[in-house]
Amino acid sequence: MKIYIMLLLILSGLSGFLFSLYKHPSHDDAKLYHSPVSFVKQIKGDKDAGRKIFNEFCASCHAKEPIISVNAPRIHDKKRWDAYRKLGIDTLLNMTIQGRGAMPARGGCFECSDEQLREVILYLTDVSSCTT
């Protein structure tokens, strides 16, 4: 009886695995964001990663019209971002990694590398230096 149960469990697991491969094929050119981990992996080395991570993780609070209003500096707010820019990229990166005010550690992107967080900061400060 134990052998039948073990065989049933093995077949069940194998069929579930094969079904998941069928439903979620792995194509290099496919943009399937199933989780933050796969999203961050898919944009590794992307020249536009800073903007994409901003839109995925930061825009809720830092967008021009944020969904969550916690008095976070908004994108394109030149005056506020000029003050932050003066602190320097290393200080801004440390603030992002540690969290500040209502912002969680790593800006909520726990899957992002320090370099990816740096790219987001550079994107945000660069875009915000152009407008008022």
N, C-alpha and C. Protein backbone atom coordinates (compact mmCIF):
# COMPACT_ATOMS: atom_id res chain seq x y z
N MET A 1 0.82 -1.19 0.00
CA MET A 1 0.00 0.00 0.00
C MET A 1 0.87 1.26 0.00
N LYS A 2 1.97 1.27 0.79
CA LYS A 2 2.85 2.42 0.85
C LYS A 2 3.44 2.73 -0.53
N ILE A 3 3.77 1.70 -1.26
CA ILE A 3 4.37 1.89 -2.58
C ILE A 3 3.40 2.57 -3.53
N TYR A 4 2.11 2.24 -3.45
CA TYR A 4 1.11 2.87 -4.30
C TYR A 4 0.94 4.36 -3.95
N ILE A 5 0.96 4.65 -2.67
CA ILE A 5 0.84 6.04 -2.23
C ILE A 5 2.04 6.84 -2.69
N MET A 6 3.24 6.29 -2.53
CA MET A 6 4.45 6.97 -2.97
C MET A 6 4.44 7.18 -4.48
N LEU A 7 4.02 6.16 -5.21
CA LEU A 7 3.95 6.26 -6.67
C LEU A 7 2.93 7.33 -7.08
N LEU A 8 1.81 7.37 -6.40
CA LEU A 8 0.78 8.37 -6.67
C LEU A 8 1.31 9.78 -6.40
N LEU A 9 2.03 9.97 -5.30
CA LEU A 9 2.60 11.28 -4.98
C LEU A 9 3.65 11.71 -6.00
N ILE A 10 4.47 10.78 -6.42
CA ILE A 10 5.49 11.09 -7.43
C ILE A 10 4.84 11.47 -8.75
N LEU A 11 3.86 10.70 -9.18
CA LEU A 11 3.17 11.00 -10.43
C LEU A 11 2.41 12.32 -10.35
N SER A 12 1.83 12.59 -9.22
CA SER A 12 1.10 13.84 -9.02
C SER A 12 2.06 15.03 -9.10
N GLY A 13 3.18 14.93 -8.42
CA GLY A 13 4.17 16.00 -8.45
C GLY A 13 4.74 16.21 -9.85
N LEU A 14 5.03 15.13 -10.53
CA LEU A 14 5.58 15.20 -11.88
C LEU A 14 4.56 15.82 -12.85
N SER A 15 3.31 15.42 -12.73
CA SER A 15 2.30 15.99 -13.62
C SER A 15 2.09 17.47 -13.35
N GLY A 16 2.13 17.88 -12.09
CA GLY A 16 2.02 19.30 -11.75
C GLY A 16 3.19 20.10 -12.30
N PHE A 17 4.38 19.54 -12.21
CA PHE A 17 5.57 20.21 -12.74
C PHE A 17 5.47 20.35 -14.26
N LEU A 18 5.09 19.29 -14.94
CA LEU A 18 4.97 19.34 -16.40
C LEU A 18 3.88 20.32 -16.83
N PHE A 19 2.78 20.37 -16.09
CA PHE A 19 1.71 21.30 -16.40
C PHE A 19 2.19 22.75 -16.24
N SER A 20 2.99 23.01 -15.19
CA SER A 20 3.49 24.38 -14.98
C SER A 20 4.44 24.78 -16.10
N LEU A 21 5.23 23.84 -16.61
CA LEU A 21 6.10 24.14 -17.75
C LEU A 21 5.28 24.44 -19.00
N TYR A 22 4.21 23.71 -19.18
CA TYR A 22 3.33 23.92 -20.33
C TYR A 22 2.65 25.30 -20.26
N LYS A 23 2.15 25.68 -19.08
CA LYS A 23 1.42 26.93 -18.92
C LYS A 23 2.33 28.16 -18.88
N HIS A 24 3.57 27.98 -18.47
CA HIS A 24 4.51 29.10 -18.33
C HIS A 24 5.81 28.78 -19.04
N PRO A 25 5.80 28.80 -20.37
CA PRO A 25 7.02 28.47 -21.12
C PRO A 25 8.09 29.52 -20.88
N SER A 26 9.31 29.10 -20.96
CA SER A 26 10.44 30.00 -20.76
C SER A 26 11.01 30.40 -22.11
N HIS A 27 10.69 31.62 -22.52
CA HIS A 27 11.22 32.17 -23.76
C HIS A 27 12.06 33.38 -23.40
N ASP A 28 13.22 33.49 -24.01
CA ASP A 28 14.10 34.61 -23.71
C ASP A 28 13.45 35.95 -24.03
N ASP A 29 12.65 36.01 -25.07
CA ASP A 29 12.04 37.28 -25.46
C ASP A 29 10.69 37.52 -24.79
N ALA A 30 10.19 36.56 -24.03
CA ALA A 30 8.90 36.74 -23.36
C ALA A 30 9.05 37.65 -22.15
N LYS A 31 8.10 38.50 -21.93
CA LYS A 31 8.10 39.40 -20.78
C LYS A 31 7.04 38.94 -19.81
N LEU A 32 7.33 37.87 -19.09
CA LEU A 32 6.38 37.30 -18.14
C LEU A 32 6.83 37.66 -16.73
N TYR A 33 6.19 38.67 -16.13
CA TYR A 33 6.52 39.08 -14.78
C TYR A 33 5.60 38.35 -13.82
N HIS A 34 6.09 37.27 -13.26
CA HIS A 34 5.26 36.49 -12.34
C HIS A 34 5.53 36.83 -10.90
N SER A 35 6.68 37.46 -10.63
CA SER A 35 7.03 37.82 -9.27
C SER A 35 8.07 38.91 -9.31
N PRO A 36 8.25 39.62 -8.20
CA PRO A 36 9.31 40.63 -8.18
C PRO A 36 10.69 40.05 -8.49
N VAL A 37 10.95 38.83 -8.05
CA VAL A 37 12.25 38.21 -8.31
C VAL A 37 12.47 38.03 -9.80
N SER A 38 11.50 37.50 -10.51
CA SER A 38 11.67 37.29 -11.95
C SER A 38 11.69 38.63 -12.69
N PHE A 39 10.91 39.61 -12.23
CA PHE A 39 10.93 40.94 -12.85
C PHE A 39 12.33 41.54 -12.78
N VAL A 40 12.93 41.52 -11.58
CA VAL A 40 14.25 42.11 -11.38
C VAL A 40 15.31 41.36 -12.19
N LYS A 41 15.20 40.04 -12.26
CA LYS A 41 16.14 39.26 -13.06
C LYS A 41 15.99 39.59 -14.54
N GLN A 42 14.77 39.76 -15.02
CA GLN A 42 14.53 40.00 -16.44
C GLN A 42 15.07 41.35 -16.90
N ILE A 43 15.17 42.31 -16.01
CA ILE A 43 15.65 43.63 -16.44
C ILE A 43 17.11 43.86 -16.09
N LYS A 44 17.78 42.85 -15.58
CA LYS A 44 19.20 42.98 -15.24
C LYS A 44 19.98 43.36 -16.50
N GLY A 45 20.75 44.44 -16.41
CA GLY A 45 21.52 44.91 -17.54
C GLY A 45 20.74 45.76 -18.53
N ASP A 46 19.46 45.95 -18.31
CA ASP A 46 18.62 46.76 -19.18
C ASP A 46 18.98 48.24 -18.97
N LYS A 47 19.23 48.95 -20.06
CA LYS A 47 19.61 50.37 -19.94
C LYS A 47 18.48 51.22 -19.37
N ASP A 48 17.27 50.71 -19.38
CA ASP A 48 16.10 51.42 -18.89
C ASP A 48 15.60 50.84 -17.56
N ALA A 49 16.46 50.10 -16.87
CA ALA A 49 16.06 49.43 -15.64
C ALA A 49 15.61 50.40 -14.56
N GLY A 50 16.28 51.55 -14.44
CA GLY A 50 15.91 52.51 -13.41
C GLY A 50 14.47 52.96 -13.53
N ARG A 51 14.05 53.27 -14.75
CA ARG A 51 12.66 53.69 -14.99
C ARG A 51 11.69 52.56 -14.72
N LYS A 52 12.05 51.36 -15.17
CA LYS A 52 11.14 50.22 -14.99
C LYS A 52 10.98 49.86 -13.52
N ILE A 53 12.06 49.88 -12.76
CA ILE A 53 11.96 49.60 -11.33
C ILE A 53 11.17 50.71 -10.64
N PHE A 54 11.42 51.96 -11.03
CA PHE A 54 10.66 53.08 -10.45
C PHE A 54 9.17 52.85 -10.64
N ASN A 55 8.77 52.53 -11.88
CA ASN A 55 7.35 52.33 -12.17
C ASN A 55 6.76 51.16 -11.40
N GLU A 56 7.54 50.13 -11.18
CA GLU A 56 7.05 48.92 -10.51
C GLU A 56 7.00 49.07 -8.98
N PHE A 57 8.01 49.73 -8.39
CA PHE A 57 8.13 49.74 -6.94
C PHE A 57 7.99 51.12 -6.29
N CYS A 58 8.33 52.17 -6.99
CA CYS A 58 8.45 53.49 -6.36
C CYS A 58 7.31 54.45 -6.67
N ALA A 59 6.70 54.25 -7.82
CA ALA A 59 5.71 55.22 -8.30
C ALA A 59 4.50 55.36 -7.38
N SER A 60 4.20 54.34 -6.62
CA SER A 60 3.03 54.44 -5.72
C SER A 60 3.12 55.65 -4.79
N CYS A 61 4.34 55.98 -4.38
CA CYS A 61 4.54 57.11 -3.47
C CYS A 61 5.23 58.30 -4.14
N HIS A 62 6.06 58.03 -5.18
CA HIS A 62 6.88 59.10 -5.77
C HIS A 62 6.38 59.58 -7.13
N ALA A 63 5.26 59.07 -7.62
CA ALA A 63 4.72 59.52 -8.91
C ALA A 63 4.24 60.96 -8.80
N LYS A 64 4.03 61.57 -9.95
CA LYS A 64 3.51 62.94 -9.97
C LYS A 64 2.16 62.99 -9.26
N GLU A 65 1.35 61.96 -9.48
CA GLU A 65 0.06 61.80 -8.79
C GLU A 65 0.11 60.47 -8.04
N PRO A 66 0.70 60.44 -6.83
CA PRO A 66 0.91 59.15 -6.14
C PRO A 66 -0.39 58.50 -5.68
N ILE A 67 -0.37 57.20 -5.65
CA ILE A 67 -1.50 56.44 -5.11
C ILE A 67 -1.52 56.54 -3.59
N ILE A 68 -0.32 56.53 -3.01
CA ILE A 68 -0.17 56.61 -1.56
C ILE A 68 0.46 57.96 -1.24
N SER A 69 -0.25 58.81 -0.57
CA SER A 69 0.27 60.15 -0.27
C SER A 69 0.92 60.15 1.11
N VAL A 70 2.25 60.09 1.12
CA VAL A 70 3.00 60.09 2.38
C VAL A 70 4.02 61.23 2.39
N ASN A 71 3.78 62.25 1.58
CA ASN A 71 4.66 63.41 1.46
C ASN A 71 6.05 63.03 0.93
N ALA A 72 6.13 61.98 0.14
CA ALA A 72 7.39 61.60 -0.50
C ALA A 72 7.68 62.58 -1.62
N PRO A 73 8.95 62.86 -1.88
CA PRO A 73 9.26 63.75 -3.01
C PRO A 73 8.77 63.13 -4.31
N ARG A 74 8.03 63.90 -5.07
CA ARG A 74 7.42 63.38 -6.30
C ARG A 74 8.35 63.59 -7.49
N ILE A 75 8.24 62.68 -8.43
CA ILE A 75 9.02 62.80 -9.65
C ILE A 75 8.69 64.14 -10.31
N HIS A 76 9.69 64.76 -10.90
CA HIS A 76 9.58 66.06 -11.57
C HIS A 76 9.48 67.24 -10.61
N ASP A 77 9.60 67.01 -9.31
CA ASP A 77 9.60 68.11 -8.35
C ASP A 77 11.05 68.59 -8.22
N LYS A 78 11.44 69.46 -9.14
CA LYS A 78 12.84 69.90 -9.26
C LYS A 78 13.38 70.46 -7.94
N LYS A 79 12.60 71.29 -7.29
CA LYS A 79 13.06 71.93 -6.05
C LYS A 79 13.41 70.91 -4.97
N ARG A 80 12.52 69.97 -4.73
CA ARG A 80 12.78 68.96 -3.69
C ARG A 80 13.92 68.04 -4.08
N TRP A 81 13.96 67.63 -5.35
CA TRP A 81 15.01 66.70 -5.77
C TRP A 81 16.37 67.38 -5.86
N ASP A 82 16.41 68.70 -6.11
CA ASP A 82 17.68 69.41 -6.09
C ASP A 82 18.31 69.32 -4.70
N ALA A 83 17.49 69.46 -3.68
CA ALA A 83 17.99 69.35 -2.30
C ALA A 83 18.53 67.94 -2.02
N TYR A 84 17.82 66.93 -2.47
CA TYR A 84 18.29 65.56 -2.28
C TYR A 84 19.54 65.29 -3.10
N ARG A 85 19.57 65.80 -4.32
CA ARG A 85 20.72 65.57 -5.20
C ARG A 85 22.00 66.10 -4.56
N LYS A 86 21.90 67.20 -3.84
CA LYS A 86 23.07 67.79 -3.18
C LYS A 86 23.66 66.86 -2.12
N LEU A 87 22.86 65.93 -1.62
CA LEU A 87 23.37 64.97 -0.62
C LEU A 87 24.34 63.97 -1.24
N GLY A 88 24.24 63.77 -2.54
CA GLY A 88 25.13 62.84 -3.23
C GLY A 88 24.51 61.46 -3.37
N ILE A 89 24.94 60.76 -4.41
CA ILE A 89 24.37 59.45 -4.73
C ILE A 89 24.61 58.43 -3.62
N ASP A 90 25.78 58.47 -2.98
CA ASP A 90 26.07 57.48 -1.93
C ASP A 90 25.15 57.66 -0.73
N THR A 91 24.88 58.91 -0.36
CA THR A 91 23.96 59.18 0.75
C THR A 91 22.54 58.77 0.38
N LEU A 92 22.12 59.11 -0.84
CA LEU A 92 20.77 58.73 -1.28
C LEU A 92 20.62 57.21 -1.35
N LEU A 93 21.66 56.53 -1.81
CA LEU A 93 21.60 55.06 -1.85
C LEU A 93 21.50 54.50 -0.44
N ASN A 94 22.28 55.03 0.48
CA ASN A 94 22.21 54.56 1.87
C ASN A 94 20.83 54.81 2.47
N MET A 95 20.24 55.99 2.19
CA MET A 95 18.89 56.30 2.68
C MET A 95 17.88 55.30 2.11
N THR A 96 18.05 54.95 0.84
CA THR A 96 17.13 54.01 0.20
C THR A 96 17.30 52.62 0.80
N ILE A 97 18.53 52.20 0.99
CA ILE A 97 18.79 50.87 1.55
C ILE A 97 18.23 50.76 2.97
N GLN A 98 18.44 51.80 3.77
CA GLN A 98 18.00 51.77 5.17
C GLN A 98 16.51 52.06 5.32
N GLY A 99 15.95 52.80 4.37
CA GLY A 99 14.57 53.27 4.51
C GLY A 99 14.58 54.62 5.20
N ARG A 100 13.54 55.38 4.96
CA ARG A 100 13.47 56.72 5.56
C ARG A 100 12.01 57.13 5.64
N GLY A 101 11.60 57.61 6.79
CA GLY A 101 10.20 58.01 6.97
C GLY A 101 9.28 56.83 6.69
N ALA A 102 8.34 57.03 5.78
CA ALA A 102 7.39 55.96 5.44
C ALA A 102 7.97 54.97 4.43
N MET A 103 9.13 55.31 3.83
CA MET A 103 9.71 54.42 2.83
C MET A 103 10.37 53.22 3.51
N PRO A 104 9.99 52.02 3.10
CA PRO A 104 10.61 50.84 3.70
C PRO A 104 12.05 50.68 3.23
N ALA A 105 12.79 49.85 3.92
CA ALA A 105 14.16 49.54 3.51
C ALA A 105 14.17 49.09 2.05
N ARG A 106 15.20 49.46 1.34
CA ARG A 106 15.41 49.14 -0.07
C ARG A 106 14.27 49.68 -0.94
N GLY A 107 13.54 50.67 -0.43
CA GLY A 107 12.44 51.25 -1.18
C GLY A 107 11.34 50.24 -1.47
N GLY A 108 11.34 49.14 -0.72
CA GLY A 108 10.35 48.09 -0.94
C GLY A 108 10.77 47.07 -1.98
N CYS A 109 11.88 47.32 -2.66
CA CYS A 109 12.37 46.37 -3.67
C CYS A 109 13.48 45.52 -3.04
N PHE A 110 13.08 44.57 -2.26
CA PHE A 110 14.04 43.73 -1.54
C PHE A 110 14.83 42.84 -2.49
N GLU A 111 14.30 42.64 -3.69
CA GLU A 111 14.96 41.81 -4.69
C GLU A 111 16.01 42.59 -5.48
N CYS A 112 15.95 43.90 -5.45
CA CYS A 112 16.87 44.75 -6.21
C CYS A 112 18.27 44.72 -5.60
N SER A 113 19.25 44.71 -6.48
CA SER A 113 20.64 44.82 -6.03
C SER A 113 20.91 46.30 -5.68
N ASP A 114 22.01 46.55 -5.00
CA ASP A 114 22.38 47.93 -4.70
C ASP A 114 22.57 48.71 -6.00
N GLU A 115 23.16 48.08 -7.01
CA GLU A 115 23.38 48.75 -8.29
C GLU A 115 22.05 49.12 -8.95
N GLN A 116 21.06 48.23 -8.86
CA GLN A 116 19.75 48.55 -9.43
C GLN A 116 19.08 49.70 -8.68
N LEU A 117 19.23 49.73 -7.37
CA LEU A 117 18.68 50.85 -6.59
C LEU A 117 19.38 52.14 -7.00
N ARG A 118 20.69 52.07 -7.23
CA ARG A 118 21.44 53.24 -7.69
C ARG A 118 20.89 53.73 -9.04
N GLU A 119 20.56 52.80 -9.93
CA GLU A 119 20.00 53.16 -11.23
C GLU A 119 18.66 53.88 -11.08
N VAL A 120 17.85 53.43 -10.12
CA VAL A 120 16.56 54.09 -9.87
C VAL A 120 16.78 55.52 -9.38
N ILE A 121 17.70 55.68 -8.44
CA ILE A 121 17.98 57.01 -7.90
C ILE A 121 18.48 57.93 -9.01
N LEU A 122 19.39 57.44 -9.84
CA LEU A 122 19.90 58.25 -10.95
C LEU A 122 18.79 58.62 -11.92
N TYR A 123 17.91 57.66 -12.21
CA TYR A 123 16.77 57.96 -13.08
C TYR A 123 15.90 59.05 -12.47
N LEU A 124 15.54 58.88 -11.22
CA LEU A 124 14.64 59.81 -10.55
C LEU A 124 15.24 61.21 -10.43
N THR A 125 16.51 61.30 -10.06
CA THR A 125 17.13 62.62 -9.92
C THR A 125 17.37 63.26 -11.28
N ASP A 126 17.73 62.47 -12.28
CA ASP A 126 17.94 63.03 -13.62
C ASP A 126 16.64 63.55 -14.22
N VAL A 127 15.60 62.76 -14.16
CA VAL A 127 14.31 63.17 -14.71
C VAL A 127 13.76 64.38 -13.96
N SER A 128 13.99 64.42 -12.67
CA SER A 128 13.44 65.49 -11.85
C SER A 128 14.25 66.78 -11.94
N SER A 129 15.44 66.73 -12.53
CA SER A 129 16.25 67.95 -12.66
C SER A 129 15.81 68.78 -13.86
N CYS A 130 15.03 68.18 -14.73
CA CYS A 130 14.66 68.83 -16.00
C CYS A 130 13.43 69.70 -15.92
N THR A 131 12.54 69.47 -14.94
CA THR A 131 11.26 70.18 -14.92
C THR A 131 11.02 70.78 -13.56
N THR A 132 10.01 71.60 -13.51
CA THR A 132 9.64 72.22 -12.22
C THR A 132 8.32 71.70 -11.76
